[in-house]
Amino acid sequence: MVSLFKKLFTKKINIQAPVTGKVIPLSSVPDEVFSTKVMGDGFAIKPTENKLYSPISGTVLSVFPTKHAITFNTDDGIQVLLHLGIDTVELKGAPFNILVHEGEHISAGDEIGTMDIDQIIKAGKSTEIIIVITNMEKLKSIDRVSNTNVSHGDKIGALNLS
């Protein structure tokens, strides 16, 4: 009975696909920092479209100067890193147009920018979009889908809060 009660009242934060593409296991991302979960656990998507959308509702904590990464904070204090491609920091922001700014409140599904997939591929970089929870100690578990084609805004998982 207690288990059922906890299950019914565990707070969840849904994670939406920030891009149209294929959800892949984080372990298959070609960067050990992400594939071995050094920065935290999460999700990865191989994008097929250029438009980017917020995976969660919350506040923009930072947009990296090279535009390859954005951090968010949910109202529950969960910190989320959205990392755009692998080694794309070396492209100095060229393939990215980010529409959000530090301190801005956003809702899940809001358009937050674009990334030029073709330009990233031509530069010899991987296009995987990684969503990582950087303060995992605040979570009990993560529910996820994998190896699935998704459209932006589709639910790709849920964060179960401690």
N, C-alpha and C. Protein backbone atom coordinates (compact mmCIF):
# COMPACT_ATOMS: atom_id res chain seq x y z
N MET A 1 0.82 -1.19 0.00
CA MET A 1 0.00 0.00 0.00
C MET A 1 0.87 1.26 0.00
N VAL A 2 1.93 1.27 0.83
CA VAL A 2 2.83 2.43 0.88
C VAL A 2 3.50 2.63 -0.48
N SER A 3 3.90 1.53 -1.11
CA SER A 3 4.54 1.61 -2.42
C SER A 3 3.61 2.24 -3.46
N LEU A 4 2.35 1.83 -3.45
CA LEU A 4 1.37 2.39 -4.38
C LEU A 4 1.16 3.87 -4.09
N PHE A 5 1.10 4.24 -2.82
CA PHE A 5 0.92 5.64 -2.42
C PHE A 5 2.09 6.48 -2.93
N LYS A 6 3.33 5.99 -2.73
CA LYS A 6 4.51 6.72 -3.20
C LYS A 6 4.49 6.87 -4.71
N LYS A 7 4.10 5.81 -5.40
CA LYS A 7 4.06 5.84 -6.85
C LYS A 7 3.05 6.87 -7.35
N LEU A 8 1.91 6.95 -6.69
CA LEU A 8 0.87 7.90 -7.09
C LEU A 8 1.28 9.34 -6.85
N PHE A 9 2.11 9.58 -5.84
CA PHE A 9 2.42 10.95 -5.45
C PHE A 9 3.87 11.35 -5.69
N THR A 10 4.62 10.55 -6.43
CA THR A 10 5.96 10.95 -6.81
C THR A 10 5.84 12.03 -7.87
N LYS A 11 6.51 13.14 -7.64
CA LYS A 11 6.45 14.24 -8.61
C LYS A 11 7.32 13.89 -9.81
N LYS A 12 6.77 14.14 -10.99
CA LYS A 12 7.49 13.86 -12.24
C LYS A 12 7.61 15.14 -13.05
N ILE A 13 8.73 15.27 -13.74
CA ILE A 13 8.92 16.35 -14.71
C ILE A 13 9.09 15.67 -16.06
N ASN A 14 8.18 15.95 -16.98
CA ASN A 14 8.28 15.36 -18.31
C ASN A 14 9.37 16.07 -19.11
N ILE A 15 10.09 15.28 -19.90
CA ILE A 15 11.11 15.80 -20.80
C ILE A 15 10.59 15.64 -22.21
N GLN A 16 10.58 16.74 -22.96
CA GLN A 16 10.13 16.72 -24.35
C GLN A 16 11.32 16.69 -25.29
N ALA A 17 11.11 16.09 -26.45
CA ALA A 17 12.15 16.09 -27.48
C ALA A 17 12.40 17.53 -27.92
N PRO A 18 13.66 18.00 -27.84
CA PRO A 18 13.97 19.36 -28.24
C PRO A 18 14.13 19.52 -29.75
N VAL A 19 14.02 18.39 -30.45
CA VAL A 19 14.24 18.39 -31.90
C VAL A 19 13.58 17.15 -32.48
N THR A 20 13.28 17.19 -33.75
CA THR A 20 12.80 15.99 -34.45
C THR A 20 14.01 15.13 -34.79
N GLY A 21 13.90 13.83 -34.55
CA GLY A 21 15.02 12.94 -34.83
C GLY A 21 14.81 11.58 -34.20
N LYS A 22 15.91 10.89 -33.91
CA LYS A 22 15.84 9.55 -33.32
C LYS A 22 16.48 9.56 -31.94
N VAL A 23 15.72 9.11 -30.94
CA VAL A 23 16.26 8.97 -29.59
C VAL A 23 17.24 7.81 -29.60
N ILE A 24 18.44 8.05 -29.07
CA ILE A 24 19.47 7.01 -29.00
C ILE A 24 19.94 6.90 -27.56
N PRO A 25 20.52 5.75 -27.18
CA PRO A 25 21.04 5.62 -25.81
C PRO A 25 22.18 6.62 -25.58
N LEU A 26 22.21 7.21 -24.41
CA LEU A 26 23.29 8.13 -24.06
C LEU A 26 24.64 7.43 -24.19
N SER A 27 24.68 6.14 -23.92
CA SER A 27 25.93 5.37 -23.99
C SER A 27 26.49 5.29 -25.41
N SER A 28 25.68 5.59 -26.43
CA SER A 28 26.17 5.52 -27.81
C SER A 28 26.67 6.87 -28.34
N VAL A 29 26.62 7.91 -27.52
CA VAL A 29 27.12 9.23 -27.92
C VAL A 29 28.65 9.16 -28.02
N PRO A 30 29.24 9.66 -29.12
CA PRO A 30 30.69 9.54 -29.32
C PRO A 30 31.52 10.56 -28.53
N ASP A 31 31.23 10.68 -27.25
CA ASP A 31 31.99 11.55 -26.35
C ASP A 31 31.87 10.93 -24.96
N GLU A 32 33.01 10.51 -24.40
CA GLU A 32 33.01 9.79 -23.13
C GLU A 32 32.42 10.59 -21.97
N VAL A 33 32.53 11.91 -22.02
CA VAL A 33 31.97 12.72 -20.94
C VAL A 33 30.47 12.47 -20.83
N PHE A 34 29.82 12.28 -21.97
CA PHE A 34 28.37 12.03 -21.96
C PHE A 34 28.06 10.54 -21.91
N SER A 35 28.76 9.73 -22.71
CA SER A 35 28.42 8.30 -22.79
C SER A 35 28.67 7.56 -21.48
N THR A 36 29.61 8.05 -20.67
CA THR A 36 29.87 7.42 -19.37
C THR A 36 29.17 8.15 -18.23
N LYS A 37 28.36 9.13 -18.58
CA LYS A 37 27.51 9.86 -17.62
C LYS A 37 28.30 10.63 -16.57
N VAL A 38 29.50 11.08 -16.93
CA VAL A 38 30.32 11.88 -16.01
C VAL A 38 29.58 13.14 -15.59
N MET A 39 28.87 13.77 -16.52
CA MET A 39 28.16 15.02 -16.22
C MET A 39 26.76 14.78 -15.67
N GLY A 40 26.29 13.54 -15.76
CA GLY A 40 24.95 13.20 -15.31
C GLY A 40 24.27 12.29 -16.31
N ASP A 41 23.08 11.84 -15.98
CA ASP A 41 22.32 10.94 -16.84
C ASP A 41 21.35 11.77 -17.68
N GLY A 42 20.84 11.14 -18.73
CA GLY A 42 19.89 11.88 -19.55
C GLY A 42 19.51 11.17 -20.83
N PHE A 43 19.47 11.95 -21.89
CA PHE A 43 18.91 11.52 -23.17
C PHE A 43 19.79 12.03 -24.31
N ALA A 44 19.68 11.38 -25.46
CA ALA A 44 20.37 11.86 -26.66
C ALA A 44 19.46 11.65 -27.86
N ILE A 45 19.56 12.57 -28.79
CA ILE A 45 18.76 12.50 -30.02
C ILE A 45 19.66 12.83 -31.20
N LYS A 46 19.58 12.01 -32.24
CA LYS A 46 20.23 12.29 -33.52
C LYS A 46 19.22 13.11 -34.32
N PRO A 47 19.48 14.42 -34.52
CA PRO A 47 18.47 15.29 -35.13
C PRO A 47 18.33 15.10 -36.64
N THR A 48 17.12 15.33 -37.13
CA THR A 48 16.87 15.33 -38.57
C THR A 48 16.35 16.68 -39.05
N GLU A 49 16.14 17.60 -38.11
CA GLU A 49 15.69 18.96 -38.44
C GLU A 49 16.53 19.96 -37.67
N ASN A 50 16.54 21.20 -38.13
CA ASN A 50 17.39 22.25 -37.56
C ASN A 50 16.78 23.03 -36.40
N LYS A 51 15.45 23.09 -36.30
CA LYS A 51 14.82 23.90 -35.25
C LYS A 51 14.95 23.22 -33.89
N LEU A 52 15.22 24.05 -32.87
CA LEU A 52 15.40 23.58 -31.50
C LEU A 52 14.30 24.12 -30.60
N TYR A 53 13.85 23.29 -29.66
CA TYR A 53 12.78 23.64 -28.74
C TYR A 53 13.20 23.28 -27.32
N SER A 54 12.64 23.96 -26.35
CA SER A 54 13.00 23.68 -24.96
C SER A 54 12.45 22.31 -24.54
N PRO A 55 13.30 21.49 -23.90
CA PRO A 55 12.83 20.18 -23.43
C PRO A 55 12.04 20.25 -22.13
N ILE A 56 12.14 21.38 -21.42
CA ILE A 56 11.50 21.53 -20.11
C ILE A 56 10.99 22.96 -19.93
N SER A 57 10.19 23.14 -18.90
CA SER A 57 9.80 24.50 -18.49
C SER A 57 10.74 24.93 -17.37
N GLY A 58 11.11 26.18 -17.37
CA GLY A 58 12.00 26.69 -16.33
C GLY A 58 12.65 27.99 -16.74
N THR A 59 13.82 28.23 -16.19
CA THR A 59 14.57 29.46 -16.44
C THR A 59 15.88 29.13 -17.13
N VAL A 60 16.25 29.94 -18.11
CA VAL A 60 17.54 29.78 -18.78
C VAL A 60 18.62 30.26 -17.81
N LEU A 61 19.52 29.35 -17.41
CA LEU A 61 20.62 29.73 -16.52
C LEU A 61 21.76 30.35 -17.30
N SER A 62 22.08 29.75 -18.46
CA SER A 62 23.17 30.30 -19.27
C SER A 62 23.07 29.82 -20.71
N VAL A 63 23.60 30.65 -21.59
CA VAL A 63 23.84 30.28 -22.98
C VAL A 63 25.34 30.43 -23.17
N PHE A 64 26.03 29.35 -23.50
CA PHE A 64 27.47 29.42 -23.65
C PHE A 64 27.82 30.40 -24.77
N PRO A 65 28.94 31.12 -24.64
CA PRO A 65 29.33 32.10 -25.66
C PRO A 65 29.44 31.50 -27.07
N THR A 66 29.80 30.22 -27.14
CA THR A 66 29.93 29.53 -28.43
C THR A 66 28.60 28.94 -28.89
N LYS A 67 27.54 29.17 -28.13
CA LYS A 67 26.16 28.81 -28.46
C LYS A 67 25.90 27.31 -28.58
N HIS A 68 26.87 26.48 -28.25
CA HIS A 68 26.71 25.03 -28.41
C HIS A 68 26.03 24.38 -27.21
N ALA A 69 25.75 25.15 -26.16
CA ALA A 69 25.14 24.58 -24.96
C ALA A 69 24.30 25.63 -24.24
N ILE A 70 23.20 25.15 -23.67
CA ILE A 70 22.29 25.99 -22.90
C ILE A 70 21.97 25.24 -21.61
N THR A 71 21.97 25.94 -20.49
CA THR A 71 21.56 25.31 -19.24
C THR A 71 20.25 25.92 -18.75
N PHE A 72 19.44 25.06 -18.15
CA PHE A 72 18.12 25.45 -17.64
C PHE A 72 17.99 25.02 -16.19
N ASN A 73 17.11 25.66 -15.47
CA ASN A 73 16.76 25.26 -14.12
C ASN A 73 15.24 25.17 -14.05
N THR A 74 14.72 24.00 -13.66
CA THR A 74 13.26 23.86 -13.53
C THR A 74 12.81 24.55 -12.25
N ASP A 75 11.53 24.73 -12.11
CA ASP A 75 10.98 25.33 -10.88
C ASP A 75 11.26 24.46 -9.66
N ASP A 76 11.55 23.18 -9.87
CA ASP A 76 11.87 22.26 -8.78
C ASP A 76 13.36 22.17 -8.51
N GLY A 77 14.15 23.01 -9.18
CA GLY A 77 15.59 23.04 -8.94
C GLY A 77 16.40 21.99 -9.68
N ILE A 78 15.81 21.36 -10.68
CA ILE A 78 16.54 20.39 -11.49
C ILE A 78 17.30 21.15 -12.57
N GLN A 79 18.60 20.91 -12.65
CA GLN A 79 19.43 21.60 -13.64
C GLN A 79 19.62 20.70 -14.86
N VAL A 80 19.34 21.28 -16.03
CA VAL A 80 19.36 20.54 -17.28
C VAL A 80 20.32 21.22 -18.24
N LEU A 81 21.24 20.42 -18.80
CA LEU A 81 22.16 20.90 -19.83
C LEU A 81 21.68 20.39 -21.17
N LEU A 82 21.51 21.30 -22.12
CA LEU A 82 21.19 20.95 -23.50
C LEU A 82 22.45 21.21 -24.30
N HIS A 83 23.10 20.14 -24.76
CA HIS A 83 24.38 20.24 -25.47
C HIS A 83 24.14 19.92 -26.94
N LEU A 84 24.54 20.81 -27.82
CA LEU A 84 24.23 20.71 -29.25
C LEU A 84 25.43 20.22 -30.05
N GLY A 85 25.46 18.93 -30.31
CA GLY A 85 26.53 18.33 -31.09
C GLY A 85 27.75 17.99 -30.24
N ILE A 86 28.68 17.28 -30.87
CA ILE A 86 29.91 16.87 -30.20
C ILE A 86 31.08 17.66 -30.78
N ASP A 87 31.87 18.25 -29.91
CA ASP A 87 33.01 19.10 -30.29
C ASP A 87 32.60 20.31 -31.12
N THR A 88 31.35 20.69 -31.05
CA THR A 88 30.88 21.86 -31.80
C THR A 88 31.33 23.16 -31.16
N VAL A 89 31.87 23.10 -29.95
CA VAL A 89 32.46 24.29 -29.33
C VAL A 89 33.54 24.86 -30.25
N GLU A 90 34.22 23.98 -30.99
CA GLU A 90 35.30 24.39 -31.90
C GLU A 90 34.78 25.22 -33.08
N LEU A 91 33.49 25.20 -33.32
CA LEU A 91 32.91 25.94 -34.45
C LEU A 91 32.57 27.38 -34.08
N LYS A 92 32.85 27.74 -32.84
CA LYS A 92 32.73 29.13 -32.36
C LYS A 92 31.37 29.77 -32.62
N GLY A 93 30.31 28.97 -32.52
CA GLY A 93 28.96 29.51 -32.63
C GLY A 93 28.39 29.58 -34.04
N ALA A 94 29.22 29.33 -35.06
CA ALA A 94 28.79 29.52 -36.45
C ALA A 94 27.50 28.78 -36.83
N PRO A 95 27.33 27.50 -36.45
CA PRO A 95 26.11 26.81 -36.92
C PRO A 95 24.87 27.04 -36.07
N PHE A 96 24.95 27.92 -35.07
CA PHE A 96 23.85 28.07 -34.12
C PHE A 96 23.26 29.47 -34.13
N ASN A 97 21.94 29.53 -33.97
CA ASN A 97 21.23 30.78 -33.74
C ASN A 97 20.34 30.55 -32.53
N ILE A 98 20.74 31.07 -31.39
CA ILE A 98 20.02 30.84 -30.14
C ILE A 98 19.14 32.06 -29.85
N LEU A 99 17.86 31.80 -29.57
CA LEU A 99 16.87 32.87 -29.40
C LEU A 99 16.60 33.23 -27.94
N VAL A 100 17.10 32.43 -26.99
CA VAL A 100 16.82 32.68 -25.58
C VAL A 100 18.04 33.31 -24.90
N HIS A 101 17.77 33.92 -23.73
CA HIS A 101 18.83 34.62 -23.01
C HIS A 101 18.80 34.24 -21.54
N GLU A 102 19.93 34.39 -20.89
CA GLU A 102 20.04 34.11 -19.46
C GLU A 102 18.96 34.85 -18.68
N GLY A 103 18.31 34.12 -17.78
CA GLY A 103 17.28 34.70 -16.93
C GLY A 103 15.88 34.63 -17.50
N GLU A 104 15.76 34.26 -18.76
CA GLU A 104 14.45 34.19 -19.42
C GLU A 104 13.69 32.95 -18.95
N HIS A 105 12.39 33.11 -18.68
CA HIS A 105 11.55 31.95 -18.33
C HIS A 105 10.98 31.38 -19.62
N ILE A 106 11.08 30.07 -19.76
CA ILE A 106 10.60 29.39 -20.96
C ILE A 106 9.68 28.25 -20.56
N SER A 107 8.85 27.84 -21.52
CA SER A 107 7.98 26.69 -21.32
C SER A 107 8.45 25.55 -22.21
N ALA A 108 8.21 24.32 -21.78
CA ALA A 108 8.55 23.17 -22.61
C ALA A 108 7.88 23.34 -23.97
N GLY A 109 8.65 23.14 -25.03
CA GLY A 109 8.12 23.26 -26.38
C GLY A 109 8.33 24.62 -27.02
N ASP A 110 8.78 25.62 -26.25
CA ASP A 110 9.08 26.93 -26.85
C ASP A 110 10.26 26.80 -27.81
N GLU A 111 10.18 27.48 -28.95
CA GLU A 111 11.32 27.50 -29.87
C GLU A 111 12.46 28.28 -29.22
N ILE A 112 13.65 27.68 -29.20
CA ILE A 112 14.80 28.33 -28.56
C ILE A 112 15.94 28.62 -29.53
N GLY A 113 15.83 28.15 -30.79
CA GLY A 113 16.89 28.44 -31.74
C GLY A 113 16.95 27.44 -32.87
N THR A 114 18.08 27.51 -33.59
CA THR A 114 18.33 26.57 -34.69
C THR A 114 19.80 26.14 -34.66
N MET A 115 20.04 24.99 -35.26
CA MET A 115 21.41 24.54 -35.51
C MET A 115 21.46 24.04 -36.94
N ASP A 116 22.52 24.40 -37.65
CA ASP A 116 22.67 24.01 -39.04
C ASP A 116 23.36 22.64 -39.09
N ILE A 117 22.54 21.60 -39.20
CA ILE A 117 23.06 20.23 -39.18
C ILE A 117 24.07 20.01 -40.30
N ASP A 118 23.77 20.49 -41.51
CA ASP A 118 24.68 20.31 -42.65
C ASP A 118 26.04 20.95 -42.38
N GLN A 119 26.04 22.14 -41.82
CA GLN A 119 27.30 22.83 -41.52
C GLN A 119 28.11 22.06 -40.48
N ILE A 120 27.44 21.49 -39.49
CA ILE A 120 28.13 20.71 -38.46
C ILE A 120 28.75 19.46 -39.07
N ILE A 121 28.00 18.77 -39.93
CA ILE A 121 28.52 17.56 -40.59
C ILE A 121 29.69 17.91 -41.50
N LYS A 122 29.57 18.99 -42.28
CA LYS A 122 30.66 19.42 -43.17
C LYS A 122 31.93 19.75 -42.40
N ALA A 123 31.77 20.19 -41.15
CA ALA A 123 32.93 20.50 -40.30
C ALA A 123 33.51 19.24 -39.65
N GLY A 124 32.89 18.08 -39.94
CA GLY A 124 33.40 16.82 -39.40
C GLY A 124 33.00 16.55 -37.96
N LYS A 125 31.94 17.18 -37.51
CA LYS A 125 31.47 17.00 -36.13
C LYS A 125 30.20 16.17 -36.09
N SER A 126 29.92 15.58 -34.94
CA SER A 126 28.68 14.82 -34.74
C SER A 126 27.56 15.75 -34.32
N THR A 127 26.34 15.41 -34.71
CA THR A 127 25.20 16.30 -34.48
C THR A 127 24.32 15.93 -33.29
N GLU A 128 24.67 14.89 -32.55
CA GLU A 128 23.82 14.45 -31.44
C GLU A 128 23.49 15.61 -30.49
N ILE A 129 22.23 15.67 -30.09
CA ILE A 129 21.80 16.63 -29.09
C ILE A 129 21.63 15.87 -27.78
N ILE A 130 22.31 16.36 -26.76
CA ILE A 130 22.33 15.67 -25.47
C ILE A 130 21.59 16.50 -24.44
N ILE A 131 20.75 15.83 -23.67
CA ILE A 131 20.03 16.46 -22.55
C ILE A 131 20.50 15.73 -21.30
N VAL A 132 21.20 16.44 -20.42
CA VAL A 132 21.77 15.82 -19.23
C VAL A 132 21.28 16.54 -17.97
N ILE A 133 20.95 15.75 -16.97
CA ILE A 133 20.58 16.29 -15.66
C ILE A 133 21.87 16.38 -14.86
N THR A 134 22.28 17.59 -14.49
CA THR A 134 23.58 17.76 -13.85
C THR A 134 23.54 17.66 -12.33
N ASN A 135 22.36 17.65 -11.74
CA ASN A 135 22.26 17.45 -10.28
C ASN A 135 21.37 16.23 -10.00
N MET A 136 21.91 15.09 -10.38
CA MET A 136 21.19 13.81 -10.28
C MET A 136 20.75 13.47 -8.86
N GLU A 137 21.43 14.02 -7.86
CA GLU A 137 21.08 13.71 -6.47
C GLU A 137 19.65 14.14 -6.13
N LYS A 138 19.06 14.99 -6.94
CA LYS A 138 17.68 15.44 -6.69
C LYS A 138 16.64 14.50 -7.31
N LEU A 139 17.12 13.47 -8.03
CA LEU A 139 16.21 12.54 -8.70
C LEU A 139 16.22 11.18 -8.04
N LYS A 140 15.06 10.54 -8.09
CA LYS A 140 14.96 9.15 -7.66
C LYS A 140 15.29 8.24 -8.83
N SER A 141 14.76 8.60 -10.01
CA SER A 141 14.99 7.78 -11.21
C SER A 141 14.58 8.57 -12.45
N ILE A 142 14.91 8.00 -13.60
CA ILE A 142 14.53 8.57 -14.89
C ILE A 142 13.81 7.50 -15.69
N ASP A 143 12.63 7.84 -16.21
CA ASP A 143 11.93 6.97 -17.16
C ASP A 143 12.31 7.47 -18.54
N ARG A 144 12.50 6.56 -19.49
CA ARG A 144 12.92 7.01 -20.82
C ARG A 144 12.41 6.11 -21.93
N VAL A 145 12.36 6.69 -23.12
CA VAL A 145 12.14 5.90 -24.33
C VAL A 145 13.48 5.89 -25.06
N SER A 146 13.73 4.89 -25.89
CA SER A 146 14.97 4.87 -26.65
C SER A 146 14.74 4.20 -27.99
N ASN A 147 15.66 4.46 -28.89
CA ASN A 147 15.60 3.91 -30.24
C ASN A 147 14.24 4.14 -30.89
N THR A 148 13.76 5.36 -30.76
CA THR A 148 12.45 5.73 -31.27
C THR A 148 12.57 7.02 -32.05
N ASN A 149 11.87 7.09 -33.18
CA ASN A 149 11.80 8.34 -33.92
C ASN A 149 10.79 9.24 -33.22
N VAL A 150 11.16 10.51 -33.04
CA VAL A 150 10.30 11.46 -32.35
C VAL A 150 10.21 12.77 -33.13
N SER A 151 9.13 13.47 -32.88
CA SER A 151 8.98 14.85 -33.36
C SER A 151 9.23 15.76 -32.17
N HIS A 152 9.69 16.98 -32.45
CA HIS A 152 9.91 17.90 -31.33
C HIS A 152 8.61 18.01 -30.54
N GLY A 153 8.75 18.05 -29.23
CA GLY A 153 7.59 18.13 -28.34
C GLY A 153 7.08 16.80 -27.84
N ASP A 154 7.47 15.69 -28.50
CA ASP A 154 7.07 14.36 -28.00
C ASP A 154 7.74 14.10 -26.64
N LYS A 155 7.05 13.39 -25.77
CA LYS A 155 7.63 13.01 -24.49
C LYS A 155 8.69 11.94 -24.73
N ILE A 156 9.92 12.21 -24.25
CA ILE A 156 10.98 11.21 -24.37
C ILE A 156 11.35 10.61 -23.02
N GLY A 157 10.77 11.16 -21.97
CA GLY A 157 11.05 10.61 -20.65
C GLY A 157 10.44 11.46 -19.55
N ALA A 158 10.71 11.01 -18.33
CA ALA A 158 10.23 11.73 -17.15
C ALA A 158 11.28 11.62 -16.05
N LEU A 159 11.43 12.70 -15.32
CA LEU A 159 12.33 12.74 -14.17
C LEU A 159 11.47 12.52 -12.93
N ASN A 160 11.81 11.50 -12.16
CA ASN A 160 11.09 11.21 -10.92
C ASN A 160 11.86 11.84 -9.77
N LEU A 161 11.28 12.85 -9.14
CA LEU A 161 11.96 13.59 -8.09
C LEU A 161 12.04 12.79 -6.80
N SER A 162 13.12 13.02 -6.06
CA SER A 162 13.31 12.35 -4.76
C SER A 162 12.33 12.88 -3.75
